[in-house]
Amino acid sequence: MSAFLVVDTKINNPEAYEEYKKLARPIVEKFGGVYRARGGAMEIHQSELWSPTRIVIVEFPDVESARAFIDSEEYAPVKQMRLDNAECTLFILEG
């Protein structure tokens, strides 16, 4: 069953975050991920529980592939770039 990595991001350093995006994409793809949405325009109709900022949705073949990406040694230094330059909420959703 597909799994979706969903990330809501408030970017604090846009220049550094652009570099993060360049480095993250090939690693995402290595683990079978396909970007389905990447910071596009949002039309919010209700936000009682959550006020999203910038949404990224990546589809993986399964939960294990999404976890393998997040926990990979290859992604670790790139992930640190995200942590240093943005505030995020990140979760995996079974599809």
PDB file of N, CA and C in Angstrom:
ATOM      1  N   MET A   1       0.842  -1.178   0.000  1.00  0.00           N
ATOM      2  CA  MET A   1       0.000   0.000   0.000  1.00  0.00           C
ATOM      3  C   MET A   1       0.887   1.240   0.000  1.00  0.00           C
ATOM      4  N   SER A   2       0.552   2.208  -0.830  1.00  0.00           N
ATOM      5  CA  SER A   2       1.314   3.464  -0.879  1.00  0.00           C
ATOM      6  C   SER A   2       1.315   4.160   0.471  1.00  0.00           C
ATOM      7  N   ALA A   3       2.325   4.971   0.667  1.00  0.00           N
ATOM      8  CA  ALA A   3       2.418   5.813   1.859  1.00  0.00           C
ATOM      9  C   ALA A   3       2.809   7.206   1.410  1.00  0.00           C
ATOM     10  N   PHE A   4       2.290   8.187   2.111  1.00  0.00           N
ATOM     11  CA  PHE A   4       2.555   9.573   1.770  1.00  0.00           C
ATOM     12  C   PHE A   4       3.312  10.244   2.903  1.00  0.00           C
ATOM     13  N   LEU A   5       4.448  10.813   2.563  1.00  0.00           N
ATOM     14  CA  LEU A   5       5.201  11.635   3.495  1.00  0.00           C
ATOM     15  C   LEU A   5       4.659  13.052   3.312  1.00  0.00           C
ATOM     16  N   VAL A   6       4.105  13.605   4.373  1.00  0.00           N
ATOM     17  CA  VAL A   6       3.513  14.935   4.320  1.00  0.00           C
ATOM     18  C   VAL A   6       4.325  15.840   5.230  1.00  0.00           C
ATOM     19  N   VAL A   7       4.756  16.970   4.678  1.00  0.00           N
ATOM     20  CA  VAL A   7       5.575  17.907   5.438  1.00  0.00           C
ATOM     21  C   VAL A   7       4.976  19.302   5.301  1.00  0.00           C
ATOM     22  N   ASP A   8       4.764  19.947   6.436  1.00  0.00           N
ATOM     23  CA  ASP A   8       4.364  21.354   6.450  1.00  0.00           C
ATOM     24  C   ASP A   8       5.588  22.125   6.918  1.00  0.00           C
ATOM     25  N   THR A   9       6.012  23.103   6.135  1.00  0.00           N
ATOM     26  CA  THR A   9       7.284  23.766   6.387  1.00  0.00           C
ATOM     27  C   THR A   9       7.152  25.277   6.437  1.00  0.00           C
ATOM     28  N   LYS A  10       7.716  25.860   7.469  1.00  0.00           N
ATOM     29  CA  LYS A  10       7.905  27.311   7.543  1.00  0.00           C
ATOM     30  C   LYS A  10       9.390  27.549   7.308  1.00  0.00           C
ATOM     31  N   ILE A  11       9.710  28.082   6.158  1.00  0.00           N
ATOM     32  CA  ILE A  11      11.111  28.282   5.771  1.00  0.00           C
ATOM     33  C   ILE A  11      11.644  29.556   6.418  1.00  0.00           C
ATOM     34  N   ASN A  12      12.747  29.434   7.146  1.00  0.00           N
ATOM     35  CA  ASN A  12      13.366  30.580   7.813  1.00  0.00           C
ATOM     36  C   ASN A  12      14.557  31.141   7.039  1.00  0.00           C
ATOM     37  N   ASN A  13      15.164  30.321   6.192  1.00  0.00           N
ATOM     38  CA  ASN A  13      16.317  30.743   5.407  1.00  0.00           C
ATOM     39  C   ASN A  13      16.108  30.242   3.976  1.00  0.00           C
ATOM     40  N   PRO A  14      15.436  31.038   3.129  1.00  0.00           N
ATOM     41  CA  PRO A  14      15.087  30.571   1.779  1.00  0.00           C
ATOM     42  C   PRO A  14      16.277  30.149   0.920  1.00  0.00           C
ATOM     43  N   GLU A  15      17.383  30.841   1.017  1.00  0.00           N
ATOM     44  CA  GLU A  15      18.550  30.498   0.197  1.00  0.00           C
ATOM     45  C   GLU A  15      19.085  29.115   0.564  1.00  0.00           C
ATOM     46  N   ALA A  16      19.262  28.865   1.841  1.00  0.00           N
ATOM     47  CA  ALA A  16      19.753  27.561   2.286  1.00  0.00           C
ATOM     48  C   ALA A  16      18.732  26.469   1.986  1.00  0.00           C
ATOM     49  N   TYR A  17      17.453  26.801   2.078  1.00  0.00           N
ATOM     50  CA  TYR A  17      16.413  25.807   1.822  1.00  0.00           C
ATOM     51  C   TYR A  17      16.385  25.386   0.355  1.00  0.00           C
ATOM     52  N   GLU A  18      16.720  26.279  -0.545  1.00  0.00           N
ATOM     53  CA  GLU A  18      16.815  25.923  -1.962  1.00  0.00           C
ATOM     54  C   GLU A  18      17.878  24.847  -2.167  1.00  0.00           C
ATOM     55  N   GLU A  19      18.983  24.975  -1.462  1.00  0.00           N
ATOM     56  CA  GLU A  19      20.040  23.961  -1.544  1.00  0.00           C
ATOM     57  C   GLU A  19      19.547  22.635  -0.976  1.00  0.00           C
ATOM     58  N   TYR A  20      18.814  22.693   0.133  1.00  0.00           N
ATOM     59  CA  TYR A  20      18.227  21.482   0.708  1.00  0.00           C
ATOM     60  C   TYR A  20      17.360  20.763  -0.320  1.00  0.00           C
ATOM     61  N   LYS A  21      16.497  21.504  -1.001  1.00  0.00           N
ATOM     62  CA  LYS A  21      15.589  20.907  -1.983  1.00  0.00           C
ATOM     63  C   LYS A  21      16.363  20.198  -3.094  1.00  0.00           C
ATOM     64  N   LYS A  22      17.445  20.816  -3.571  1.00  0.00           N
ATOM     65  CA  LYS A  22      18.260  20.207  -4.623  1.00  0.00           C
ATOM     66  C   LYS A  22      18.879  18.886  -4.158  1.00  0.00           C
ATOM     67  N   LEU A  23      19.330  18.856  -2.919  1.00  0.00           N
ATOM     68  CA  LEU A  23      19.987  17.663  -2.394  1.00  0.00           C
ATOM     69  C   LEU A  23      18.996  16.571  -1.994  1.00  0.00           C
ATOM     70  N   ALA A  24      17.820  16.956  -1.521  1.00  0.00           N
ATOM     71  CA  ALA A  24      16.845  15.973  -1.044  1.00  0.00           C
ATOM     72  C   ALA A  24      16.203  15.187  -2.178  1.00  0.00           C
ATOM     73  N   ARG A  25      15.921  15.838  -3.284  1.00  0.00           N
ATOM     74  CA  ARG A  25      15.169  15.196  -4.377  1.00  0.00           C
ATOM     75  C   ARG A  25      15.778  13.871  -4.838  1.00  0.00           C
ATOM     76  N   PRO A  26      17.080  13.804  -5.167  1.00  0.00           N
ATOM     77  CA  PRO A  26      17.608  12.521  -5.640  1.00  0.00           C
ATOM     78  C   PRO A  26      17.574  11.426  -4.572  1.00  0.00           C
ATOM     79  N   ILE A  27      17.652  11.800  -3.312  1.00  0.00           N
ATOM     80  CA  ILE A  27      17.575  10.796  -2.241  1.00  0.00           C
ATOM     81  C   ILE A  27      16.143  10.287  -2.130  1.00  0.00           C
ATOM     82  N   VAL A  28      15.180  11.192  -2.199  1.00  0.00           N
ATOM     83  CA  VAL A  28      13.765  10.798  -2.198  1.00  0.00           C
ATOM     84  C   VAL A  28      13.531   9.785  -3.318  1.00  0.00           C
ATOM     85  N   GLU A  29      13.995  10.115  -4.509  1.00  0.00           N
ATOM     86  CA  GLU A  29      13.779   9.256  -5.673  1.00  0.00           C
ATOM     87  C   GLU A  29      14.480   7.913  -5.527  1.00  0.00           C
ATOM     88  N   LYS A  30      15.650   7.886  -4.897  1.00  0.00           N
ATOM     89  CA  LYS A  30      16.380   6.634  -4.663  1.00  0.00           C
ATOM     90  C   LYS A  30      15.547   5.655  -3.840  1.00  0.00           C
ATOM     91  N   PHE A  31      14.730   6.186  -2.921  1.00  0.00           N
ATOM     92  CA  PHE A  31      13.897   5.345  -2.062  1.00  0.00           C
ATOM     93  C   PHE A  31      12.499   5.138  -2.646  1.00  0.00           C
ATOM     94  N   GLY A  32      12.326   5.475  -3.913  1.00  0.00           N
ATOM     95  CA  GLY A  32      11.056   5.229  -4.593  1.00  0.00           C
ATOM     96  C   GLY A  32      10.037   6.337  -4.433  1.00  0.00           C
ATOM     97  N   GLY A  33      10.447   7.477  -3.893  1.00  0.00           N
ATOM     98  CA  GLY A  33       9.518   8.578  -3.673  1.00  0.00           C
ATOM     99  C   GLY A  33       9.252   9.386  -4.928  1.00  0.00           C
ATOM    100  N   VAL A  34       8.017   9.857  -5.042  1.00  0.00           N
ATOM    101  CA  VAL A  34       7.591  10.716  -6.139  1.00  0.00           C
ATOM    102  C   VAL A  34       6.884  11.921  -5.532  1.00  0.00           C
ATOM    103  N   TYR A  35       7.367  13.118  -5.870  1.00  0.00           N
ATOM    104  CA  TYR A  35       6.716  14.328  -5.361  1.00  0.00           C
ATOM    105  C   TYR A  35       5.343  14.471  -6.003  1.00  0.00           C
ATOM    106  N   ARG A  36       4.317  14.654  -5.177  1.00  0.00           N
ATOM    107  CA  ARG A  36       2.950  14.870  -5.655  1.00  0.00           C
ATOM    108  C   ARG A  36       2.531  16.326  -5.484  1.00  0.00           C
ATOM    109  N   ALA A  37       3.092  16.992  -4.503  1.00  0.00           N
ATOM    110  CA  ALA A  37       2.868  18.430  -4.295  1.00  0.00           C
ATOM    111  C   ALA A  37       4.121  18.968  -3.629  1.00  0.00           C
ATOM    112  N   ARG A  38       4.518  20.177  -4.044  1.00  0.00           N
ATOM    113  CA  ARG A  38       5.754  20.723  -3.485  1.00  0.00           C
ATOM    114  C   ARG A  38       5.622  22.235  -3.349  1.00  0.00           C
ATOM    115  N   GLY A  39       4.890  22.638  -2.316  1.00  0.00           N
ATOM    116  CA  GLY A  39       4.783  24.058  -2.008  1.00  0.00           C
ATOM    117  C   GLY A  39       3.887  24.839  -2.939  1.00  0.00           C
ATOM    118  N   GLY A  40       2.910  24.185  -3.563  1.00  0.00           N
ATOM    119  CA  GLY A  40       2.004  24.884  -4.465  1.00  0.00           C
ATOM    120  C   GLY A  40       1.007  25.769  -3.716  1.00  0.00           C
ATOM    121  N   ALA A  41       0.262  26.516  -4.484  1.00  0.00           N
ATOM    122  CA  ALA A  41      -0.766  27.395  -3.909  1.00  0.00           C
ATOM    123  C   ALA A  41      -1.796  26.557  -3.154  1.00  0.00           C
ATOM    124  N   MET A  42      -2.226  27.066  -2.001  1.00  0.00           N
ATOM    125  CA  MET A  42      -3.219  26.373  -1.180  1.00  0.00           C
ATOM    126  C   MET A  42      -4.480  27.216  -1.085  1.00  0.00           C
ATOM    127  N   GLU A  43      -5.576  26.526  -1.011  1.00  0.00           N
ATOM    128  CA  GLU A  43      -6.864  27.152  -0.772  1.00  0.00           C
ATOM    129  C   GLU A  43      -7.429  26.500   0.486  1.00  0.00           C
ATOM    130  N   ILE A  44      -7.274  27.162   1.606  1.00  0.00           N
ATOM    131  CA  ILE A  44      -7.669  26.597   2.894  1.00  0.00           C
ATOM    132  C   ILE A  44      -9.135  26.914   3.150  1.00  0.00           C
ATOM    133  N   HIS A  45      -9.894  25.873   3.423  1.00  0.00           N
ATOM    134  CA  HIS A  45     -11.327  26.036   3.657  1.00  0.00           C
ATOM    135  C   HIS A  45     -11.701  25.906   5.125  1.00  0.00           C
ATOM    136  N   GLN A  46     -10.840  25.302   5.920  1.00  0.00           N
ATOM    137  CA  GLN A  46     -11.096  25.157   7.353  1.00  0.00           C
ATOM    138  C   GLN A  46      -9.766  24.884   8.038  1.00  0.00           C
ATOM    139  N   SER A  47      -9.517  25.543   9.161  1.00  0.00           N
ATOM    140  CA  SER A  47      -8.228  25.355   9.841  1.00  0.00           C
ATOM    141  C   SER A  47      -8.380  25.415  11.354  1.00  0.00           C
ATOM    142  N   GLU A  48      -9.338  24.688  11.880  1.00  0.00           N
ATOM    143  CA  GLU A  48      -9.563  24.676  13.326  1.00  0.00           C
ATOM    144  C   GLU A  48      -8.457  23.962  14.092  1.00  0.00           C
ATOM    145  N   LEU A  49      -7.851  22.934  13.494  1.00  0.00           N
ATOM    146  CA  LEU A  49      -6.819  22.150  14.178  1.00  0.00           C
ATOM    147  C   LEU A  49      -5.410  22.469  13.726  1.00  0.00           C
ATOM    148  N   TRP A  50      -5.294  23.071  12.551  1.00  0.00           N
ATOM    149  CA  TRP A  50      -3.967  23.194  11.955  1.00  0.00           C
ATOM    150  C   TRP A  50      -4.018  24.290  10.904  1.00  0.00           C
ATOM    151  N   SER A  51      -3.043  25.163  10.894  1.00  0.00           N
ATOM    152  CA  SER A  51      -2.937  26.217   9.891  1.00  0.00           C
ATOM    153  C   SER A  51      -1.694  25.946   9.047  1.00  0.00           C
ATOM    154  N   PRO A  52      -1.839  25.236   7.930  1.00  0.00           N
ATOM    155  CA  PRO A  52      -0.683  24.867   7.122  1.00  0.00           C
ATOM    156  C   PRO A  52       0.028  26.071   6.524  1.00  0.00           C
ATOM    157  N   THR A  53       1.319  25.909   6.304  1.00  0.00           N
ATOM    158  CA  THR A  53       2.170  26.971   5.780  1.00  0.00           C
ATOM    159  C   THR A  53       2.605  26.672   4.350  1.00  0.00           C
ATOM    160  N   ARG A  54       3.375  25.601   4.185  1.00  0.00           N
ATOM    161  CA  ARG A  54       3.879  25.179   2.866  1.00  0.00           C
ATOM    162  C   ARG A  54       3.895  23.655   2.877  1.00  0.00           C
ATOM    163  N   ILE A  55       3.058  23.047   2.060  1.00  0.00           N
ATOM    164  CA  ILE A  55       2.883  21.596   2.100  1.00  0.00           C
ATOM    165  C   ILE A  55       3.682  20.915   0.993  1.00  0.00           C
ATOM    166  N   VAL A  56       4.363  19.839   1.390  1.00  0.00           N
ATOM    167  CA  VAL A  56       5.035  18.945   0.451  1.00  0.00           C
ATOM    168  C   VAL A  56       4.448  17.558   0.691  1.00  0.00           C
ATOM    169  N   ILE A  57       4.075  16.880  -0.403  1.00  0.00           N
ATOM    170  CA  ILE A  57       3.563  15.516  -0.319  1.00  0.00           C
ATOM    171  C   ILE A  57       4.403  14.652  -1.244  1.00  0.00           C
ATOM    172  N   VAL A  58       4.969  13.588  -0.668  1.00  0.00           N
ATOM    173  CA  VAL A  58       5.788  12.648  -1.433  1.00  0.00           C
ATOM    174  C   VAL A  58       5.159  11.270  -1.293  1.00  0.00           C
ATOM    175  N   GLU A  59       4.889  10.632  -2.413  1.00  0.00           N
ATOM    176  CA  GLU A  59       4.329   9.285  -2.390  1.00  0.00           C
ATOM    177  C   GLU A  59       5.459   8.267  -2.476  1.00  0.00           C
ATOM    178  N   PHE A  60       5.433   7.303  -1.553  1.00  0.00           N
ATOM    179  CA  PHE A  60       6.379   6.189  -1.540  1.00  0.00           C
ATOM    180  C   PHE A  60       5.614   4.892  -1.794  1.00  0.00           C
ATOM    181  N   PRO A  61       6.299   3.852  -2.233  1.00  0.00           N
ATOM    182  CA  PRO A  61       5.610   2.584  -2.491  1.00  0.00           C
ATOM    183  C   PRO A  61       4.918   2.003  -1.257  1.00  0.00           C
ATOM    184  N   ASP A  62       5.499   2.282  -0.070  1.00  0.00           N
ATOM    185  CA  ASP A  62       4.948   1.735   1.175  1.00  0.00           C
ATOM    186  C   ASP A  62       5.553   2.497   2.354  1.00  0.00           C
ATOM    187  N   VAL A  63       5.031   2.228   3.547  1.00  0.00           N
ATOM    188  CA  VAL A  63       5.501   2.901   4.754  1.00  0.00           C
ATOM    189  C   VAL A  63       6.978   2.612   4.995  1.00  0.00           C
ATOM    190  N   GLU A  64       7.391   1.375   4.750  1.00  0.00           N
ATOM    191  CA  GLU A  64       8.788   1.002   4.992  1.00  0.00           C
ATOM    192  C   GLU A  64       9.742   1.840   4.140  1.00  0.00           C
ATOM    193  N   SER A  65       9.379   2.106   2.903  1.00  0.00           N
ATOM    194  CA  SER A  65      10.227   2.926   2.030  1.00  0.00           C
ATOM    195  C   SER A  65      10.302   4.368   2.532  1.00  0.00           C
ATOM    196  N   ALA A  66       9.185   4.901   2.990  1.00  0.00           N
ATOM    197  CA  ALA A  66       9.172   6.265   3.540  1.00  0.00           C
ATOM    198  C   ALA A  66      10.045   6.350   4.785  1.00  0.00           C
ATOM    199  N   ARG A  67       9.913   5.357   5.668  1.00  0.00           N
ATOM    200  CA  ARG A  67      10.742   5.324   6.883  1.00  0.00           C
ATOM    201  C   ARG A  67      12.221   5.170   6.527  1.00  0.00           C
ATOM    202  N   ALA A  68      12.508   4.311   5.562  1.00  0.00           N
ATOM    203  CA  ALA A  68      13.902   4.088   5.160  1.00  0.00           C
ATOM    204  C   ALA A  68      14.521   5.384   4.657  1.00  0.00           C
ATOM    205  N   PHE A  69      13.764   6.165   3.902  1.00  0.00           N
ATOM    206  CA  PHE A  69      14.257   7.463   3.445  1.00  0.00           C
ATOM    207  C   PHE A  69      14.550   8.372   4.631  1.00  0.00           C
ATOM    208  N   ILE A  70      13.565   8.559   5.506  1.00  0.00           N
ATOM    209  CA  ILE A  70      13.716   9.479   6.642  1.00  0.00           C
ATOM    210  C   ILE A  70      14.899   9.092   7.524  1.00  0.00           C
ATOM    211  N   ASP A  71      15.093   7.792   7.714  1.00  0.00           N
ATOM    212  CA  ASP A  71      16.126   7.303   8.635  1.00  0.00           C
ATOM    213  C   ASP A  71      17.462   6.994   7.968  1.00  0.00           C
ATOM    214  N   SER A  72      17.580   7.222   6.666  1.00  0.00           N
ATOM    215  CA  SER A  72      18.794   6.819   5.959  1.00  0.00           C
ATOM    216  C   SER A  72      20.004   7.681   6.343  1.00  0.00           C
ATOM    217  N   GLU A  73      21.158   7.041   6.310  1.00  0.00           N
ATOM    218  CA  GLU A  73      22.410   7.756   6.558  1.00  0.00           C
ATOM    219  C   GLU A  73      22.651   8.802   5.477  1.00  0.00           C
ATOM    220  N   GLU A  74      22.231   8.500   4.262  1.00  0.00           N
ATOM    221  CA  GLU A  74      22.422   9.416   3.144  1.00  0.00           C
ATOM    222  C   GLU A  74      21.626  10.714   3.339  1.00  0.00           C
ATOM    223  N   TYR A  75      20.420  10.593   3.892  1.00  0.00           N
ATOM    224  CA  TYR A  75      19.572  11.766   4.090  1.00  0.00           C
ATOM    225  C   TYR A  75      19.941  12.550   5.349  1.00  0.00           C
ATOM    226  N   ALA A  76      20.602  11.932   6.313  1.00  0.00           N
ATOM    227  CA  ALA A  76      20.873  12.567   7.613  1.00  0.00           C
ATOM    228  C   ALA A  76      21.501  13.964   7.497  1.00  0.00           C
ATOM    229  N   PRO A  77      22.562  14.184   6.736  1.00  0.00           N
ATOM    230  CA  PRO A  77      23.129  15.539   6.671  1.00  0.00           C
ATOM    231  C   PRO A  77      22.212  16.522   5.940  1.00  0.00           C
ATOM    232  N   VAL A  78      21.442  16.027   4.981  1.00  0.00           N
ATOM    233  CA  VAL A  78      20.500  16.879   4.258  1.00  0.00           C
ATOM    234  C   VAL A  78      19.340  17.242   5.178  1.00  0.00           C
ATOM    235  N   LYS A  79      18.876  16.270   5.942  1.00  0.00           N
ATOM    236  CA  LYS A  79      17.822  16.513   6.930  1.00  0.00           C
ATOM    237  C   LYS A  79      18.250  17.607   7.908  1.00  0.00           C
ATOM    238  N   GLN A  80      19.509  17.574   8.303  1.00  0.00           N
ATOM    239  CA  GLN A  80      20.010  18.591   9.231  1.00  0.00           C
ATOM    240  C   GLN A  80      19.919  19.985   8.616  1.00  0.00           C
ATOM    241  N   MET A  81      20.120  20.084   7.319  1.00  0.00           N
ATOM    242  CA  MET A  81      19.953  21.373   6.627  1.00  0.00           C
ATOM    243  C   MET A  81      18.510  21.869   6.787  1.00  0.00           C
ATOM    244  N   ARG A  82      17.547  20.940   6.641  1.00  0.00           N
ATOM    245  CA  ARG A  82      16.141  21.305   6.816  1.00  0.00           C
ATOM    246  C   ARG A  82      15.885  21.754   8.243  1.00  0.00           C
ATOM    247  N   LEU A  83      16.396  21.003   9.197  1.00  0.00           N
ATOM    248  CA  LEU A  83      16.184  21.337  10.604  1.00  0.00           C
ATOM    249  C   LEU A  83      16.810  22.683  10.970  1.00  0.00           C
ATOM    250  N   ASP A  84      17.941  22.999  10.359  1.00  0.00           N
ATOM    251  CA  ASP A  84      18.637  24.254  10.648  1.00  0.00           C
ATOM    252  C   ASP A  84      17.985  25.470   9.994  1.00  0.00           C
ATOM    253  N   ASN A  85      17.186  25.259   8.950  1.00  0.00           N
ATOM    254  CA  ASN A  85      16.695  26.388   8.161  1.00  0.00           C
ATOM    255  C   ASN A  85      15.180  26.473   8.040  1.00  0.00           C
ATOM    256  N   ALA A  86      14.474  25.589   8.734  1.00  0.00           N
ATOM    257  CA  ALA A  86      13.020  25.594   8.653  1.00  0.00           C
ATOM    258  C   ALA A  86      12.419  24.946   9.898  1.00  0.00           C
ATOM    259  N   GLU A  87      11.159  25.259  10.131  1.00  0.00           N
ATOM    260  CA  GLU A  87      10.369  24.594  11.168  1.00  0.00           C
ATOM    261  C   GLU A  87       9.356  23.729  10.441  1.00  0.00           C
ATOM    262  N   CYS A  88       9.214  22.473  10.892  1.00  0.00           N
ATOM    263  CA  CYS A  88       8.379  21.541  10.138  1.00  0.00           C
ATOM    264  C   CYS A  88       7.499  20.682  11.027  1.00  0.00           C
ATOM    265  N   THR A  89       6.429  20.228  10.438  1.00  0.00           N
ATOM    266  CA  THR A  89       5.642  19.109  10.929  1.00  0.00           C
ATOM    267  C   THR A  89       5.730  18.062   9.829  1.00  0.00           C
ATOM    268  N   LEU A  90       6.061  16.834  10.181  1.00  0.00           N
ATOM    269  CA  LEU A  90       6.277  15.783   9.197  1.00  0.00           C
ATOM    270  C   LEU A  90       5.593  14.517   9.690  1.00  0.00           C
ATOM    271  N   PHE A  91       4.837  13.881   8.800  1.00  0.00           N
ATOM    272  CA  PHE A  91       4.221  12.613   9.170  1.00  0.00           C
ATOM    273  C   PHE A  91       4.080  11.720   7.950  1.00  0.00           C
ATOM    274  N   ILE A  92       3.928  10.425   8.210  1.00  0.00           N
ATOM    275  CA  ILE A  92       3.685   9.442   7.165  1.00  0.00           C
ATOM    276  C   ILE A  92       2.224   9.014   7.269  1.00  0.00           C
ATOM    277  N   LEU A  93       1.557   9.002   6.124  1.00  0.00           N
ATOM    278  CA  LEU A  93       0.150   8.660   6.044  1.00  0.00           C
ATOM    279  C   LEU A  93      -0.013   7.475   5.109  1.00  0.00           C
ATOM    280  N   GLU A  94      -0.587   6.382   5.589  1.00  0.00           N
ATOM    281  CA  GLU A  94      -0.847   5.256   4.700  1.00  0.00           C
ATOM    282  C   GLU A  94      -1.919   5.649   3.691  1.00  0.00           C
ATOM    283  N   GLY A  95      -1.732   5.191   2.440  1.00  0.00           N
ATOM    284  CA  GLY A  95      -2.658   5.583   1.384  1.00  0.00           C
ATOM    285  C   GLY A  95      -3.531   4.457   0.905  1.00  0.00           C
TER     286      GLY A  95
END
